[in-house]
């Protein structure tokens, strides 16, 4: 099945959860500092992305206030369940840039509402991100299901990472600027920039060059076939 077959699943799982909640895999809070994320123990937690009070908060105080409240809630819920979110986790969940999440975090701390993320709890430095790990395994020929098993992510999450990566790759090949790609793909500029950086790194790595080009060619063909089918 060619119709974007590599891609679209969601973070939503099948276990019991309240309305507005998702299932998410996050790093266990007791994982030591300096340990790469790809080697950390991941646990499944429930996160509330939408609550009844959210619409009223957005109406009365604006979208920024809602985003800050979500950052607080997501971090608190994760820690209550024995896990901790990374800045990138929060950015991906809220469809924000990493820089925006960091700014919200600073604003909250200044207002007396500090939030704890993986960097605060473990005092870690840069490590291989979830996204890099997923994309590299995918380019090595592992199926989405196998990648999900190896990285301890949900299948939907893995499919989302791959979908975004491939869409951004094609738009970059077509000569669109980062800002245009963000608008066309409906993604944050920060996420687009991180994907473009990864594309550049993989494109210069002899181990991944061939696989990267083949995957992008197949994905372009799939999209072309899908568009022709829709016109038929």
N, C-alpha and C. Protein backbone atom coordinates (compact mmCIF):
# COMPACT_ATOMS: atom_id res chain seq x y z
N UNK A 1 0.86 -1.18 0.00
CA UNK A 1 0.00 0.00 0.00
C UNK A 1 0.90 1.22 0.00
N UNK A 2 0.85 1.99 -1.11
CA UNK A 2 1.82 3.06 -1.32
C UNK A 2 1.40 4.37 -0.70
N UNK A 3 0.13 4.54 -0.37
CA UNK A 3 -0.38 5.84 0.03
C UNK A 3 0.23 6.29 1.36
N UNK A 4 1.33 7.01 1.24
CA UNK A 4 2.08 7.48 2.41
C UNK A 4 2.28 6.33 3.40
N UNK A 5 2.60 5.16 2.85
CA UNK A 5 2.57 3.95 3.66
C UNK A 5 3.57 3.97 4.78
N UNK A 6 4.61 4.77 4.66
CA UNK A 6 5.65 4.79 5.67
C UNK A 6 5.23 5.57 6.90
N UNK A 7 4.05 6.25 6.81
CA UNK A 7 3.94 7.37 7.70
C UNK A 7 2.87 7.35 8.76
N UNK A 8 1.63 7.53 8.46
CA UNK A 8 0.74 8.20 9.38
C UNK A 8 0.09 7.29 10.40
N UNK A 9 0.55 7.37 11.63
CA UNK A 9 -0.08 6.84 12.81
C UNK A 9 -0.03 7.94 13.82
N UNK A 10 -0.61 7.73 14.99
CA UNK A 10 -0.62 8.80 15.97
C UNK A 10 -0.05 8.30 17.29
N UNK A 11 0.14 9.23 18.20
CA UNK A 11 0.60 8.88 19.53
C UNK A 11 -0.49 8.16 20.33
N UNK A 12 -1.73 8.27 19.86
CA UNK A 12 -2.82 7.70 20.63
C UNK A 12 -2.71 6.19 20.70
N UNK A 13 -2.79 5.66 21.89
CA UNK A 13 -2.70 4.21 22.07
C UNK A 13 -4.07 3.63 22.31
N UNK A 14 -4.13 2.36 22.67
CA UNK A 14 -5.39 1.67 22.85
C UNK A 14 -5.73 1.41 24.32
N UNK A 15 -4.82 1.76 25.24
CA UNK A 15 -5.10 1.51 26.64
C UNK A 15 -6.08 2.55 27.18
N UNK A 16 -6.66 2.24 28.34
CA UNK A 16 -7.64 3.12 28.94
C UNK A 16 -7.01 4.47 29.29
N UNK A 17 -7.68 5.53 28.92
CA UNK A 17 -7.20 6.87 29.24
C UNK A 17 -8.40 7.81 29.25
N UNK A 18 -8.25 8.92 29.93
CA UNK A 18 -9.32 9.90 29.99
C UNK A 18 -9.40 10.67 28.69
N UNK A 19 -10.55 11.29 28.40
CA UNK A 19 -10.65 12.13 27.21
C UNK A 19 -9.58 13.22 27.22
N UNK A 20 -8.94 13.43 26.08
CA UNK A 20 -7.90 14.44 25.99
C UNK A 20 -6.52 13.95 26.35
N UNK A 21 -6.40 12.68 26.75
CA UNK A 21 -5.10 12.13 27.13
C UNK A 21 -4.49 11.29 26.00
N UNK A 22 -3.17 11.20 26.01
CA UNK A 22 -2.45 10.33 25.10
C UNK A 22 -1.52 9.43 25.91
N UNK A 23 -1.07 8.37 25.28
CA UNK A 23 -0.03 7.52 25.85
C UNK A 23 1.29 7.92 25.22
N UNK A 24 2.31 8.04 26.05
CA UNK A 24 3.60 8.53 25.58
C UNK A 24 4.71 7.78 26.30
N UNK A 25 5.81 7.52 25.60
CA UNK A 25 6.96 6.87 26.22
C UNK A 25 8.01 7.93 26.56
N UNK A 26 8.37 8.00 27.84
CA UNK A 26 9.33 8.99 28.32
C UNK A 26 10.41 8.31 29.14
N UNK A 27 11.53 9.01 29.33
CA UNK A 27 12.66 8.48 30.07
C UNK A 27 12.30 8.33 31.55
N UNK A 28 12.64 7.19 32.12
CA UNK A 28 12.41 6.98 33.56
C UNK A 28 13.20 8.02 34.36
N UNK A 29 12.61 8.53 35.41
CA UNK A 29 13.20 9.64 36.15
C UNK A 29 14.50 9.24 36.84
N UNK A 30 14.71 7.93 37.10
CA UNK A 30 15.91 7.51 37.82
C UNK A 30 17.08 7.16 36.91
N UNK A 31 16.94 7.41 35.60
CA UNK A 31 18.06 7.16 34.70
C UNK A 31 19.19 8.15 34.99
N UNK A 32 20.44 7.69 35.06
CA UNK A 32 21.54 8.55 35.50
C UNK A 32 21.93 9.62 34.47
N UNK A 33 22.61 10.64 34.98
CA UNK A 33 23.10 11.72 34.12
C UNK A 33 24.12 11.19 33.13
N UNK A 34 24.11 11.76 31.94
CA UNK A 34 25.11 11.42 30.94
C UNK A 34 24.80 10.19 30.12
N UNK A 35 23.75 9.46 30.47
CA UNK A 35 23.39 8.26 29.72
C UNK A 35 22.64 8.66 28.45
N UNK A 36 23.06 8.17 27.27
CA UNK A 36 22.37 8.54 26.03
C UNK A 36 20.89 8.17 26.10
N UNK A 37 20.05 9.01 25.53
CA UNK A 37 18.62 8.76 25.58
C UNK A 37 18.25 7.42 24.95
N UNK A 38 18.99 7.05 23.89
CA UNK A 38 18.66 5.81 23.20
C UNK A 38 18.91 4.58 24.07
N UNK A 39 19.70 4.73 25.14
CA UNK A 39 19.99 3.61 26.04
C UNK A 39 19.19 3.67 27.33
N UNK A 40 18.42 4.73 27.50
CA UNK A 40 17.65 4.90 28.74
C UNK A 40 16.41 4.01 28.75
N UNK A 41 16.03 3.64 29.95
CA UNK A 41 14.77 2.90 30.12
C UNK A 41 13.60 3.85 29.91
N UNK A 42 12.68 3.45 29.04
CA UNK A 42 11.52 4.28 28.75
C UNK A 42 10.29 3.65 29.40
N UNK A 43 9.39 4.48 29.90
CA UNK A 43 8.16 3.96 30.47
C UNK A 43 6.96 4.66 29.83
N UNK A 44 5.86 3.95 29.77
CA UNK A 44 4.65 4.51 29.17
C UNK A 44 3.88 5.30 30.21
N UNK A 45 3.52 6.52 29.85
CA UNK A 45 2.78 7.39 30.76
C UNK A 45 1.58 7.99 30.03
N UNK A 46 0.67 8.53 30.80
CA UNK A 46 -0.48 9.23 30.24
C UNK A 46 -0.29 10.73 30.42
N UNK A 47 -0.49 11.46 29.35
CA UNK A 47 -0.33 12.91 29.40
C UNK A 47 -1.62 13.57 28.91
N UNK A 48 -2.01 14.63 29.58
CA UNK A 48 -3.24 15.34 29.24
C UNK A 48 -2.93 16.51 28.31
N UNK A 49 -3.25 16.35 27.05
CA UNK A 49 -3.01 17.42 26.08
C UNK A 49 -4.20 18.37 25.98
N UNK A 50 -5.36 17.92 26.43
CA UNK A 50 -6.54 18.76 26.32
C UNK A 50 -7.43 18.54 27.54
N UNK A 51 -7.76 19.64 28.21
CA UNK A 51 -8.64 19.59 29.38
C UNK A 51 -9.75 20.61 29.20
N UNK A 52 -10.83 20.43 29.95
CA UNK A 52 -11.99 21.32 29.79
C UNK A 52 -11.64 22.79 30.00
N UNK A 53 -10.71 23.05 30.94
CA UNK A 53 -10.39 24.44 31.28
C UNK A 53 -9.48 25.11 30.23
N UNK A 54 -8.94 24.33 29.31
CA UNK A 54 -7.96 24.90 28.37
C UNK A 54 -8.57 25.95 27.45
N UNK A 55 -9.79 25.69 26.96
CA UNK A 55 -10.42 26.64 26.04
C UNK A 55 -10.67 27.98 26.72
N UNK A 56 -11.11 27.92 27.96
CA UNK A 56 -11.37 29.16 28.71
C UNK A 56 -10.06 29.92 28.96
N UNK A 57 -9.00 29.21 29.29
CA UNK A 57 -7.70 29.85 29.52
C UNK A 57 -7.21 30.53 28.26
N UNK A 58 -7.34 29.85 27.13
CA UNK A 58 -6.90 30.45 25.87
C UNK A 58 -7.74 31.68 25.53
N UNK A 59 -9.04 31.59 25.75
CA UNK A 59 -9.92 32.71 25.43
C UNK A 59 -9.61 33.93 26.30
N UNK A 60 -9.35 33.68 27.59
CA UNK A 60 -9.16 34.79 28.53
C UNK A 60 -7.74 35.34 28.54
N UNK A 61 -6.73 34.47 28.35
CA UNK A 61 -5.35 34.91 28.51
C UNK A 61 -4.46 34.72 27.27
N UNK A 62 -4.97 34.03 26.27
CA UNK A 62 -4.20 33.91 25.03
C UNK A 62 -3.50 32.56 24.90
N UNK A 63 -2.98 32.32 23.68
CA UNK A 63 -2.36 31.04 23.37
C UNK A 63 -1.07 30.81 24.16
N UNK A 64 -0.29 31.88 24.37
CA UNK A 64 0.96 31.74 25.12
C UNK A 64 0.71 31.24 26.53
N UNK A 65 -0.32 31.79 27.17
CA UNK A 65 -0.67 31.36 28.53
C UNK A 65 -1.08 29.89 28.54
N UNK A 66 -1.83 29.48 27.52
CA UNK A 66 -2.22 28.07 27.43
C UNK A 66 -1.01 27.18 27.26
N UNK A 67 -0.08 27.57 26.39
CA UNK A 67 1.13 26.77 26.18
C UNK A 67 1.93 26.63 27.47
N UNK A 68 2.06 27.72 28.21
CA UNK A 68 2.82 27.65 29.47
C UNK A 68 2.13 26.73 30.47
N UNK A 69 0.81 26.80 30.51
CA UNK A 69 0.07 25.91 31.42
C UNK A 69 0.24 24.44 31.01
N UNK A 70 0.30 24.19 29.71
CA UNK A 70 0.50 22.83 29.22
C UNK A 70 1.90 22.31 29.57
N UNK A 71 2.90 23.18 29.46
CA UNK A 71 4.26 22.79 29.83
C UNK A 71 4.29 22.36 31.29
N UNK A 72 3.66 23.14 32.16
CA UNK A 72 3.62 22.82 33.59
C UNK A 72 2.90 21.48 33.80
N UNK A 73 1.75 21.33 33.16
CA UNK A 73 0.95 20.12 33.37
C UNK A 73 1.66 18.86 32.87
N UNK A 74 2.23 18.93 31.68
CA UNK A 74 2.89 17.76 31.11
C UNK A 74 4.08 17.33 31.94
N UNK A 75 4.89 18.30 32.37
CA UNK A 75 6.06 17.96 33.19
C UNK A 75 5.64 17.38 34.53
N UNK A 76 4.60 17.95 35.14
CA UNK A 76 4.13 17.45 36.44
C UNK A 76 3.58 16.03 36.30
N UNK A 77 2.77 15.80 35.27
CA UNK A 77 2.18 14.47 35.09
C UNK A 77 3.26 13.42 34.84
N UNK A 78 4.27 13.78 34.07
CA UNK A 78 5.35 12.83 33.79
C UNK A 78 6.06 12.43 35.08
N UNK A 79 6.43 13.42 35.89
CA UNK A 79 7.16 13.14 37.13
C UNK A 79 6.29 12.35 38.10
N UNK A 80 5.00 12.65 38.16
CA UNK A 80 4.10 11.91 39.04
C UNK A 80 4.03 10.43 38.67
N UNK A 81 4.32 10.11 37.41
CA UNK A 81 4.27 8.72 36.94
C UNK A 81 5.66 8.09 36.84
N UNK A 82 6.67 8.78 37.39
CA UNK A 82 8.01 8.20 37.43
C UNK A 82 8.83 8.40 36.19
N UNK A 83 8.47 9.39 35.38
CA UNK A 83 9.21 9.69 34.15
C UNK A 83 9.55 11.17 34.12
N UNK A 84 10.31 11.54 33.11
CA UNK A 84 10.66 12.95 32.95
C UNK A 84 10.75 13.25 31.45
N UNK A 85 10.23 14.39 31.05
CA UNK A 85 10.22 14.77 29.65
C UNK A 85 11.47 15.57 29.31
N UNK A 86 11.92 15.44 28.08
CA UNK A 86 12.98 16.31 27.58
C UNK A 86 12.34 17.56 26.98
N UNK A 87 13.15 18.58 26.77
CA UNK A 87 12.66 19.78 26.10
C UNK A 87 12.10 19.42 24.73
N UNK A 88 12.79 18.52 24.04
CA UNK A 88 12.33 18.13 22.70
C UNK A 88 11.01 17.38 22.76
N UNK A 89 10.82 16.54 23.79
CA UNK A 89 9.52 15.87 23.97
C UNK A 89 8.40 16.89 24.02
N UNK A 90 8.59 17.91 24.85
CA UNK A 90 7.55 18.93 25.02
C UNK A 90 7.32 19.68 23.71
N UNK A 91 8.40 20.01 23.03
CA UNK A 91 8.28 20.72 21.76
C UNK A 91 7.48 19.90 20.75
N UNK A 92 7.77 18.61 20.68
CA UNK A 92 7.06 17.75 19.74
C UNK A 92 5.59 17.58 20.13
N UNK A 93 5.32 17.40 21.40
CA UNK A 93 3.96 17.21 21.85
C UNK A 93 3.09 18.45 21.59
N UNK A 94 3.66 19.64 21.77
CA UNK A 94 2.90 20.88 21.62
C UNK A 94 3.09 21.53 20.26
N UNK A 95 3.90 20.88 19.39
CA UNK A 95 4.16 21.42 18.05
C UNK A 95 4.77 22.83 18.15
N UNK A 96 5.75 22.95 19.02
CA UNK A 96 6.46 24.21 19.21
C UNK A 96 7.93 24.00 18.91
N UNK A 97 8.67 25.09 18.76
CA UNK A 97 10.11 24.97 18.60
C UNK A 97 10.75 24.74 19.96
N UNK A 98 11.94 24.15 19.95
CA UNK A 98 12.69 23.94 21.18
C UNK A 98 12.98 25.28 21.85
N UNK A 99 13.31 26.28 21.03
CA UNK A 99 13.62 27.61 21.58
C UNK A 99 12.40 28.20 22.30
N UNK A 100 11.21 27.98 21.76
CA UNK A 100 10.00 28.50 22.40
C UNK A 100 9.75 27.81 23.74
N UNK A 101 9.94 26.50 23.80
CA UNK A 101 9.75 25.78 25.05
C UNK A 101 10.75 26.27 26.09
N UNK A 102 11.99 26.46 25.68
CA UNK A 102 13.01 26.98 26.62
C UNK A 102 12.61 28.35 27.14
N UNK A 103 12.06 29.19 26.25
CA UNK A 103 11.64 30.53 26.68
C UNK A 103 10.48 30.45 27.67
N UNK A 104 9.52 29.58 27.39
CA UNK A 104 8.41 29.39 28.33
C UNK A 104 8.92 28.89 29.68
N UNK A 105 9.88 28.00 29.64
CA UNK A 105 10.45 27.44 30.87
C UNK A 105 11.10 28.55 31.71
N UNK A 106 11.83 29.43 31.04
CA UNK A 106 12.47 30.55 31.74
C UNK A 106 11.43 31.50 32.32
N UNK A 107 10.37 31.76 31.55
CA UNK A 107 9.30 32.65 32.00
C UNK A 107 8.61 32.07 33.23
N UNK A 108 8.35 30.80 33.21
CA UNK A 108 7.71 30.13 34.34
C UNK A 108 8.58 30.18 35.58
N UNK A 109 9.87 29.94 35.40
CA UNK A 109 10.80 29.98 36.54
C UNK A 109 10.84 31.38 37.15
N UNK A 110 10.87 32.40 36.29
CA UNK A 110 10.91 33.78 36.78
C UNK A 110 9.64 34.14 37.54
N UNK A 111 8.53 33.49 37.16
CA UNK A 111 7.25 33.76 37.81
C UNK A 111 7.03 32.89 39.04
N UNK A 112 8.03 32.09 39.40
CA UNK A 112 7.93 31.26 40.59
C UNK A 112 7.29 29.90 40.37
N UNK A 113 7.21 29.48 39.10
CA UNK A 113 6.64 28.16 38.78
C UNK A 113 7.64 27.37 37.96
N UNK A 114 8.74 26.93 38.56
CA UNK A 114 9.74 26.17 37.80
C UNK A 114 9.20 24.79 37.41
N UNK A 115 9.62 24.32 36.25
CA UNK A 115 9.25 22.97 35.81
C UNK A 115 10.52 22.15 35.64
N UNK A 116 10.41 20.86 35.90
CA UNK A 116 11.55 19.97 35.82
C UNK A 116 11.51 19.15 34.54
N UNK A 117 12.57 19.24 33.75
CA UNK A 117 12.72 18.42 32.56
C UNK A 117 13.92 17.50 32.76
N UNK A 118 14.19 16.65 31.78
CA UNK A 118 15.30 15.69 31.88
C UNK A 118 16.62 16.40 32.19
N UNK A 119 16.84 17.55 31.56
CA UNK A 119 18.08 18.28 31.79
C UNK A 119 18.24 18.75 33.22
N UNK A 120 17.12 19.10 33.87
CA UNK A 120 17.18 19.55 35.26
C UNK A 120 17.40 18.37 36.21
N UNK A 121 16.70 17.29 35.94
CA UNK A 121 16.75 16.14 36.84
C UNK A 121 18.07 15.41 36.75
N UNK A 122 18.55 15.21 35.50
CA UNK A 122 19.76 14.42 35.30
C UNK A 122 20.99 15.25 35.00
N UNK A 123 20.77 16.56 34.75
CA UNK A 123 21.89 17.44 34.41
C UNK A 123 22.71 16.87 33.25
N UNK A 124 21.98 16.51 32.18
CA UNK A 124 22.65 15.88 31.05
C UNK A 124 23.11 16.91 30.04
N UNK A 125 24.07 16.49 29.24
CA UNK A 125 24.50 17.29 28.12
C UNK A 125 23.88 16.77 26.85
N UNK A 126 24.39 17.22 25.67
CA UNK A 126 23.83 16.76 24.41
C UNK A 126 23.96 15.24 24.26
N UNK A 127 22.93 14.63 23.75
CA UNK A 127 22.94 13.19 23.49
C UNK A 127 22.21 12.93 22.19
N UNK A 128 22.31 11.72 21.68
CA UNK A 128 21.60 11.35 20.48
C UNK A 128 20.10 11.49 20.72
N UNK A 129 19.42 12.30 19.92
CA UNK A 129 18.01 12.55 20.14
C UNK A 129 17.18 11.37 19.68
N UNK A 130 15.93 11.35 20.16
CA UNK A 130 14.99 10.33 19.72
C UNK A 130 14.90 10.34 18.20
N UNK A 131 14.78 11.53 17.65
CA UNK A 131 14.58 11.66 16.21
C UNK A 131 15.76 11.07 15.42
N UNK A 132 16.97 11.39 15.82
CA UNK A 132 18.14 10.87 15.12
C UNK A 132 18.19 9.36 15.18
N UNK A 133 17.93 8.82 16.35
CA UNK A 133 17.96 7.37 16.53
C UNK A 133 16.93 6.68 15.63
N UNK A 134 15.72 7.21 15.60
CA UNK A 134 14.64 6.63 14.80
C UNK A 134 14.97 6.69 13.32
N UNK A 135 15.41 7.85 12.84
CA UNK A 135 15.68 8.00 11.41
C UNK A 135 16.85 7.12 10.98
N UNK A 136 17.88 7.04 11.79
CA UNK A 136 19.04 6.23 11.41
C UNK A 136 18.68 4.75 11.35
N UNK A 137 17.90 4.28 12.29
CA UNK A 137 17.47 2.88 12.24
C UNK A 137 16.60 2.62 11.01
N UNK A 138 15.74 3.56 10.70
CA UNK A 138 14.87 3.43 9.53
C UNK A 138 15.71 3.34 8.24
N UNK A 139 16.72 4.17 8.14
CA UNK A 139 17.58 4.16 6.96
C UNK A 139 18.45 2.91 6.90
N UNK A 140 18.64 2.26 8.03
CA UNK A 140 19.39 0.99 8.05
C UNK A 140 18.53 -0.17 7.58
N UNK A 141 17.26 0.09 7.31
CA UNK A 141 16.39 -0.95 6.76
C UNK A 141 15.42 -1.58 7.73
N UNK A 142 15.38 -1.10 8.96
CA UNK A 142 14.43 -1.64 9.92
C UNK A 142 13.02 -1.10 9.61
N UNK A 143 12.01 -1.94 9.81
CA UNK A 143 10.64 -1.50 9.62
C UNK A 143 10.24 -0.55 10.74
N UNK A 144 9.13 0.17 10.54
CA UNK A 144 8.66 1.07 11.58
C UNK A 144 8.38 0.33 12.88
N UNK A 145 7.82 -0.88 12.77
CA UNK A 145 7.54 -1.68 13.96
C UNK A 145 8.82 -2.06 14.69
N UNK A 146 9.84 -2.46 13.93
CA UNK A 146 11.12 -2.82 14.53
C UNK A 146 11.79 -1.61 15.18
N UNK A 147 11.68 -0.45 14.52
CA UNK A 147 12.25 0.77 15.10
C UNK A 147 11.54 1.11 16.41
N UNK A 148 10.22 0.97 16.43
CA UNK A 148 9.46 1.24 17.65
C UNK A 148 9.91 0.32 18.78
N UNK A 149 10.11 -0.95 18.47
CA UNK A 149 10.57 -1.90 19.49
C UNK A 149 11.95 -1.54 20.01
N UNK A 150 12.85 -1.17 19.11
CA UNK A 150 14.22 -0.90 19.50
C UNK A 150 14.36 0.40 20.29
N UNK A 151 13.52 1.37 20.01
CA UNK A 151 13.62 2.67 20.67
C UNK A 151 12.62 2.83 21.81
N UNK A 152 11.74 1.82 21.99
CA UNK A 152 10.72 1.88 23.03
C UNK A 152 9.81 3.08 22.86
N UNK A 153 9.46 3.37 21.58
CA UNK A 153 8.48 4.39 21.26
C UNK A 153 7.21 3.71 20.74
N UNK A 154 6.10 4.42 20.77
CA UNK A 154 4.91 3.89 20.14
C UNK A 154 5.11 3.88 18.63
N UNK A 155 4.41 2.97 17.94
CA UNK A 155 4.50 2.91 16.49
C UNK A 155 4.06 4.22 15.86
N UNK A 156 3.01 4.82 16.40
CA UNK A 156 2.53 6.08 15.87
C UNK A 156 3.56 7.18 15.96
N UNK A 157 4.27 7.23 17.08
CA UNK A 157 5.31 8.24 17.26
C UNK A 157 6.42 8.06 16.24
N UNK A 158 6.85 6.81 16.02
CA UNK A 158 7.89 6.54 15.03
C UNK A 158 7.42 6.94 13.64
N UNK A 159 6.20 6.61 13.30
CA UNK A 159 5.66 6.97 11.98
C UNK A 159 5.62 8.49 11.80
N UNK A 160 5.28 9.20 12.87
CA UNK A 160 5.25 10.66 12.79
C UNK A 160 6.64 11.24 12.53
N UNK A 161 7.64 10.75 13.26
CA UNK A 161 9.01 11.22 13.05
C UNK A 161 9.43 10.99 11.60
N UNK A 162 9.18 9.79 11.09
CA UNK A 162 9.60 9.45 9.73
C UNK A 162 8.84 10.28 8.71
N UNK A 163 7.52 10.45 8.94
CA UNK A 163 6.71 11.25 8.02
C UNK A 163 7.24 12.68 7.91
N UNK A 164 7.49 13.30 9.05
CA UNK A 164 8.00 14.68 9.05
C UNK A 164 9.35 14.75 8.33
N UNK A 165 10.22 13.80 8.61
CA UNK A 165 11.55 13.78 8.01
C UNK A 165 11.46 13.68 6.48
N UNK A 166 10.62 12.80 5.98
CA UNK A 166 10.51 12.60 4.54
C UNK A 166 9.85 13.80 3.86
N UNK A 167 8.83 14.35 4.47
CA UNK A 167 8.18 15.53 3.88
C UNK A 167 9.15 16.70 3.79
N UNK A 168 9.89 16.92 4.87
CA UNK A 168 10.86 18.01 4.87
C UNK A 168 11.96 17.74 3.85
N UNK A 169 12.39 16.48 3.73
CA UNK A 169 13.42 16.13 2.76
C UNK A 169 13.01 16.43 1.33
N UNK A 170 11.77 16.10 0.97
CA UNK A 170 11.30 16.38 -0.38
C UNK A 170 11.17 17.88 -0.64
N UNK A 171 10.63 18.60 0.32
CA UNK A 171 10.49 20.04 0.15
C UNK A 171 11.85 20.72 0.04
N UNK A 172 12.82 20.22 0.79
CA UNK A 172 14.18 20.76 0.69
C UNK A 172 14.77 20.47 -0.69
N UNK A 173 14.56 19.26 -1.20
CA UNK A 173 15.03 18.92 -2.54
C UNK A 173 14.40 19.82 -3.60
N UNK A 174 13.17 20.23 -3.37
CA UNK A 174 12.46 21.06 -4.32
C UNK A 174 12.83 22.53 -4.22
N UNK A 175 13.74 22.86 -3.32
CA UNK A 175 14.27 24.21 -3.26
C UNK A 175 13.53 25.18 -2.36
N UNK A 176 12.65 24.69 -1.51
CA UNK A 176 11.93 25.59 -0.61
C UNK A 176 12.84 26.02 0.55
N UNK A 177 12.63 27.23 1.02
CA UNK A 177 13.38 27.74 2.16
C UNK A 177 12.86 27.12 3.45
N UNK A 178 13.64 27.17 4.53
CA UNK A 178 13.15 26.62 5.81
C UNK A 178 11.81 27.22 6.24
N UNK A 179 11.64 28.53 6.05
CA UNK A 179 10.38 29.15 6.43
C UNK A 179 9.22 28.64 5.60
N UNK A 180 9.45 28.47 4.30
CA UNK A 180 8.40 27.94 3.42
C UNK A 180 8.07 26.50 3.77
N UNK A 181 9.11 25.72 4.10
CA UNK A 181 8.87 24.32 4.48
C UNK A 181 8.02 24.26 5.74
N UNK A 182 8.33 25.10 6.72
CA UNK A 182 7.56 25.11 7.97
C UNK A 182 6.09 25.42 7.68
N UNK A 183 5.85 26.36 6.78
CA UNK A 183 4.46 26.72 6.46
C UNK A 183 3.75 25.61 5.70
N UNK A 184 4.43 25.05 4.70
CA UNK A 184 3.80 24.01 3.88
C UNK A 184 3.58 22.71 4.66
N UNK A 185 4.54 22.37 5.52
CA UNK A 185 4.44 21.12 6.29
C UNK A 185 3.67 21.31 7.59
N UNK A 186 3.36 22.57 7.92
CA UNK A 186 2.65 22.89 9.16
C UNK A 186 3.42 22.40 10.38
N UNK A 187 4.72 22.70 10.38
CA UNK A 187 5.60 22.32 11.48
C UNK A 187 6.30 23.57 12.00
N UNK A 188 6.82 23.51 13.20
CA UNK A 188 7.55 24.64 13.76
C UNK A 188 8.87 24.83 13.01
N UNK A 189 9.34 26.05 12.99
CA UNK A 189 10.62 26.33 12.33
C UNK A 189 11.77 25.59 13.02
N UNK A 190 11.68 25.45 14.35
CA UNK A 190 12.72 24.73 15.07
C UNK A 190 12.79 23.28 14.65
N UNK A 191 11.64 22.65 14.51
CA UNK A 191 11.62 21.24 14.09
C UNK A 191 12.16 21.11 12.67
N UNK A 192 11.76 22.03 11.79
CA UNK A 192 12.24 21.99 10.41
C UNK A 192 13.76 22.13 10.37
N UNK A 193 14.29 23.07 11.14
CA UNK A 193 15.74 23.29 11.16
C UNK A 193 16.48 22.06 11.66
N UNK A 194 15.94 21.39 12.68
CA UNK A 194 16.62 20.20 13.21
C UNK A 194 16.60 19.07 12.19
N UNK A 195 15.50 18.94 11.47
CA UNK A 195 15.43 17.92 10.43
C UNK A 195 16.39 18.24 9.28
N UNK A 196 16.45 19.51 8.91
CA UNK A 196 17.36 19.91 7.83
C UNK A 196 18.81 19.66 8.22
N UNK A 197 19.13 19.91 9.46
CA UNK A 197 20.49 19.63 9.94
C UNK A 197 20.79 18.14 9.87
N UNK A 198 19.82 17.32 10.28
CA UNK A 198 20.01 15.87 10.22
C UNK A 198 20.12 15.41 8.76
N UNK A 199 19.32 15.97 7.87
CA UNK A 199 19.41 15.64 6.45
C UNK A 199 20.80 15.94 5.91
N UNK A 200 21.32 17.10 6.28
CA UNK A 200 22.65 17.49 5.81
C UNK A 200 23.73 16.53 6.33
N UNK A 201 23.62 16.17 7.61
CA UNK A 201 24.60 15.25 8.20
C UNK A 201 24.55 13.88 7.53
N UNK A 202 23.35 13.37 7.32
CA UNK A 202 23.21 12.05 6.70
C UNK A 202 23.63 12.07 5.24
N UNK A 203 23.38 13.21 4.58
CA UNK A 203 23.76 13.34 3.17
C UNK A 203 25.26 13.36 2.96
N UNK A 204 26.00 13.68 4.01
CA UNK A 204 27.47 13.70 3.92
C UNK A 204 28.11 12.45 4.49
N UNK A 205 27.28 11.56 5.03
CA UNK A 205 27.77 10.33 5.64
C UNK A 205 27.66 9.20 4.62
N UNK A 206 28.78 8.66 4.21
CA UNK A 206 28.79 7.64 3.16
C UNK A 206 27.96 6.42 3.53
N UNK A 207 27.80 6.17 4.83
CA UNK A 207 27.04 5.00 5.28
C UNK A 207 25.55 5.16 5.00
N UNK A 208 25.07 6.43 5.05
CA UNK A 208 23.63 6.67 4.90
C UNK A 208 23.24 7.32 3.57
N UNK A 209 24.20 7.84 2.81
CA UNK A 209 23.88 8.60 1.60
C UNK A 209 22.95 7.86 0.66
N UNK A 210 23.33 6.65 0.29
CA UNK A 210 22.55 5.88 -0.68
C UNK A 210 21.15 5.58 -0.18
N UNK A 211 21.05 5.13 1.07
CA UNK A 211 19.74 4.79 1.63
C UNK A 211 18.85 6.02 1.70
N UNK A 212 19.42 7.15 2.07
CA UNK A 212 18.65 8.39 2.16
C UNK A 212 18.05 8.75 0.81
N UNK A 213 18.84 8.71 -0.24
CA UNK A 213 18.35 9.05 -1.57
C UNK A 213 17.28 8.07 -2.05
N UNK A 214 17.48 6.78 -1.78
CA UNK A 214 16.50 5.78 -2.21
C UNK A 214 15.17 5.98 -1.50
N UNK A 215 15.23 6.22 -0.19
CA UNK A 215 14.00 6.40 0.58
C UNK A 215 13.23 7.64 0.10
N UNK A 216 13.95 8.73 -0.16
CA UNK A 216 13.29 9.95 -0.64
C UNK A 216 12.69 9.74 -2.02
N UNK A 217 13.38 9.00 -2.90
CA UNK A 217 12.85 8.72 -4.23
C UNK A 217 11.58 7.88 -4.15
N UNK A 218 11.59 6.87 -3.28
CA UNK A 218 10.41 6.00 -3.11
C UNK A 218 9.24 6.81 -2.56
N UNK A 219 9.53 7.67 -1.58
CA UNK A 219 8.47 8.46 -0.98
C UNK A 219 7.87 9.43 -2.00
N UNK A 220 8.72 10.03 -2.84
CA UNK A 220 8.23 10.94 -3.88
C UNK A 220 7.33 10.18 -4.85
N UNK A 221 7.75 8.98 -5.23
CA UNK A 221 6.96 8.16 -6.15
C UNK A 221 5.61 7.82 -5.52
N UNK A 222 5.62 7.45 -4.25
CA UNK A 222 4.37 7.12 -3.55
C UNK A 222 3.41 8.29 -3.57
N UNK A 223 3.92 9.47 -3.33
CA UNK A 223 3.07 10.66 -3.30
C UNK A 223 2.54 10.97 -4.70
N UNK A 224 3.36 10.76 -5.72
CA UNK A 224 2.93 11.00 -7.10
C UNK A 224 1.80 10.04 -7.47
N UNK A 225 1.98 8.76 -7.13
CA UNK A 225 0.96 7.75 -7.43
C UNK A 225 -0.34 8.08 -6.69
N UNK A 226 -0.21 8.52 -5.44
CA UNK A 226 -1.40 8.87 -4.67
C UNK A 226 -2.15 10.03 -5.30
N UNK A 227 -1.42 11.07 -5.74
CA UNK A 227 -2.07 12.24 -6.34
C UNK A 227 -2.78 11.84 -7.63
N UNK A 228 -2.15 10.99 -8.45
CA UNK A 228 -2.79 10.55 -9.71
C UNK A 228 -4.03 9.75 -9.40
N UNK A 229 -3.97 8.91 -8.34
CA UNK A 229 -5.13 8.12 -7.97
C UNK A 229 -6.29 8.99 -7.52
N UNK A 230 -5.97 10.09 -6.82
CA UNK A 230 -7.03 10.98 -6.35
C UNK A 230 -7.70 11.72 -7.49
N UNK A 231 -6.94 11.93 -8.59
CA UNK A 231 -7.52 12.63 -9.75
C UNK A 231 -8.33 11.69 -10.65
N UNK A 232 -8.10 10.38 -10.47
CA UNK A 232 -8.77 9.42 -11.37
C UNK A 232 -10.27 9.34 -11.08
